[in-house]
Amino acid sequence: MFRTNPSKEHQPELVNIEELVPRDHLLRKINETIDFSFIAEKCKELYCQDN
């Protein structure tokens, strides 16, 4: 017997990060209040420049 029902493990799943975190979550409020852009500058020497 031939089955045409494909396994779900081979089907792509699209996930939107914005939908995973509730709108009223504390981390959203922190992100809106504090500018974390300084972290990239402080950590840039830790990452490979030509990778």
N, C-alpha and C. Protein backbone atom coordinates (compact mmCIF):
# COMPACT_ATOMS: atom_id res chain seq x y z
N MET A 1 0.84 -1.18 0.00
CA MET A 1 0.00 0.00 0.00
C MET A 1 0.89 1.25 0.00
N PHE A 2 0.53 2.21 -0.80
CA PHE A 2 1.30 3.44 -0.94
C PHE A 2 0.62 4.55 -0.15
N ARG A 3 1.38 5.20 0.73
CA ARG A 3 0.82 6.28 1.55
C ARG A 3 1.32 7.63 1.04
N THR A 4 0.47 8.61 1.02
CA THR A 4 0.85 9.94 0.55
C THR A 4 0.90 10.97 1.67
N ASN A 5 0.80 10.52 2.91
CA ASN A 5 0.82 11.43 4.06
C ASN A 5 2.28 11.67 4.48
N PRO A 6 2.86 12.83 4.10
CA PRO A 6 4.27 13.07 4.46
C PRO A 6 4.45 13.29 5.96
N SER A 7 5.61 12.94 6.44
CA SER A 7 5.93 13.11 7.86
C SER A 7 6.09 14.59 8.18
N LYS A 8 5.66 15.02 9.34
CA LYS A 8 5.78 16.42 9.74
C LYS A 8 7.21 16.83 10.00
N GLU A 9 8.09 15.88 10.26
CA GLU A 9 9.47 16.24 10.57
C GLU A 9 10.20 16.85 9.38
N HIS A 10 9.67 16.68 8.19
CA HIS A 10 10.30 17.24 6.99
C HIS A 10 9.62 18.51 6.50
N GLN A 11 8.62 18.97 7.22
CA GLN A 11 7.91 20.18 6.82
C GLN A 11 8.49 21.39 7.56
N PRO A 12 8.77 22.46 6.83
CA PRO A 12 9.32 23.65 7.50
C PRO A 12 8.28 24.30 8.40
N GLU A 13 8.77 24.92 9.45
CA GLU A 13 7.89 25.62 10.38
C GLU A 13 8.38 27.05 10.49
N LEU A 14 7.52 27.99 10.22
CA LEU A 14 7.88 29.40 10.32
C LEU A 14 7.50 29.90 11.71
N VAL A 15 8.47 30.53 12.37
CA VAL A 15 8.25 31.05 13.72
C VAL A 15 8.59 32.53 13.72
N ASN A 16 7.70 33.33 14.24
CA ASN A 16 7.91 34.76 14.36
C ASN A 16 8.25 35.06 15.82
N ILE A 17 9.46 35.54 16.05
CA ILE A 17 9.92 35.82 17.41
C ILE A 17 8.98 36.79 18.13
N GLU A 18 8.47 37.76 17.41
CA GLU A 18 7.58 38.75 18.02
C GLU A 18 6.32 38.11 18.58
N GLU A 19 5.89 37.01 18.01
CA GLU A 19 4.68 36.34 18.49
C GLU A 19 4.96 35.45 19.71
N LEU A 20 6.20 35.13 19.95
CA LEU A 20 6.55 34.25 21.07
C LEU A 20 6.57 34.98 22.41
N VAL A 21 6.90 36.27 22.38
CA VAL A 21 6.99 37.05 23.61
C VAL A 21 5.74 37.92 23.73
N PRO A 22 4.99 37.78 24.80
CA PRO A 22 3.78 38.59 24.97
C PRO A 22 4.09 40.09 24.96
N ARG A 23 3.14 40.89 24.49
CA ARG A 23 3.31 42.34 24.39
C ARG A 23 3.60 43.00 25.74
N ASP A 24 3.05 42.46 26.81
CA ASP A 24 3.24 43.07 28.14
C ASP A 24 4.35 42.42 28.95
N HIS A 25 5.23 41.67 28.31
CA HIS A 25 6.31 40.98 29.00
C HIS A 25 7.35 41.98 29.51
N LEU A 26 7.91 41.71 30.68
CA LEU A 26 8.89 42.60 31.31
C LEU A 26 10.09 42.85 30.39
N LEU A 27 10.56 41.84 29.67
CA LEU A 27 11.73 42.02 28.81
C LEU A 27 11.48 43.02 27.68
N ARG A 28 10.25 43.11 27.20
CA ARG A 28 9.92 44.12 26.18
C ARG A 28 10.05 45.53 26.78
N LYS A 29 9.60 45.69 28.00
CA LYS A 29 9.68 47.00 28.67
C LYS A 29 11.14 47.38 28.91
N ILE A 30 11.94 46.41 29.33
CA ILE A 30 13.37 46.68 29.54
C ILE A 30 14.03 47.07 28.24
N ASN A 31 13.72 46.35 27.17
CA ASN A 31 14.32 46.63 25.86
C ASN A 31 13.94 48.02 25.34
N GLU A 32 12.75 48.46 25.64
CA GLU A 32 12.30 49.79 25.22
C GLU A 32 12.96 50.90 26.04
N THR A 33 13.35 50.60 27.27
CA THR A 33 13.88 51.60 28.19
C THR A 33 15.39 51.75 28.11
N ILE A 34 16.10 50.65 27.95
CA ILE A 34 17.57 50.66 28.00
C ILE A 34 18.14 50.46 26.60
N ASP A 35 19.11 51.27 26.25
CA ASP A 35 19.80 51.15 24.97
C ASP A 35 20.99 50.21 25.15
N PHE A 36 20.88 49.02 24.59
CA PHE A 36 21.93 48.00 24.74
C PHE A 36 22.94 48.03 23.59
N SER A 37 22.92 49.03 22.75
CA SER A 37 23.82 49.07 21.59
C SER A 37 25.30 49.11 21.99
N PHE A 38 25.60 49.59 23.20
CA PHE A 38 26.99 49.65 23.66
C PHE A 38 27.62 48.27 23.79
N ILE A 39 26.81 47.24 23.93
CA ILE A 39 27.34 45.88 24.12
C ILE A 39 28.07 45.40 22.88
N ALA A 40 27.56 45.70 21.70
CA ALA A 40 28.22 45.28 20.45
C ALA A 40 29.62 45.84 20.36
N GLU A 41 29.79 47.10 20.73
CA GLU A 41 31.11 47.75 20.69
C GLU A 41 32.06 47.09 21.69
N LYS A 42 31.59 46.80 22.88
CA LYS A 42 32.44 46.20 23.91
C LYS A 42 32.84 44.76 23.57
N CYS A 43 32.03 44.05 22.81
CA CYS A 43 32.27 42.63 22.52
C CYS A 43 32.87 42.37 21.15
N LYS A 44 33.01 43.39 20.31
CA LYS A 44 33.43 43.15 18.93
C LYS A 44 34.79 42.45 18.81
N GLU A 45 35.70 42.68 19.75
CA GLU A 45 37.02 42.04 19.69
C GLU A 45 36.95 40.55 20.02
N LEU A 46 35.85 40.10 20.57
CA LEU A 46 35.69 38.68 20.91
C LEU A 46 35.25 37.83 19.73
N TYR A 47 34.85 38.47 18.65
CA TYR A 47 34.34 37.76 17.48
C TYR A 47 35.36 37.79 16.33
N CYS A 48 35.37 36.73 15.55
CA CYS A 48 36.26 36.63 14.40
C CYS A 48 35.83 37.64 13.34
N GLN A 49 36.77 38.44 12.84
CA GLN A 49 36.45 39.48 11.85
C GLN A 49 36.29 38.93 10.44
N ASP A 50 36.88 37.78 10.15
CA ASP A 50 36.82 37.25 8.78
C ASP A 50 36.13 35.90 8.68
N ASN A 51 35.22 35.64 9.58
CA ASN A 51 34.51 34.37 9.57
C ASN A 51 33.30 34.47 8.69
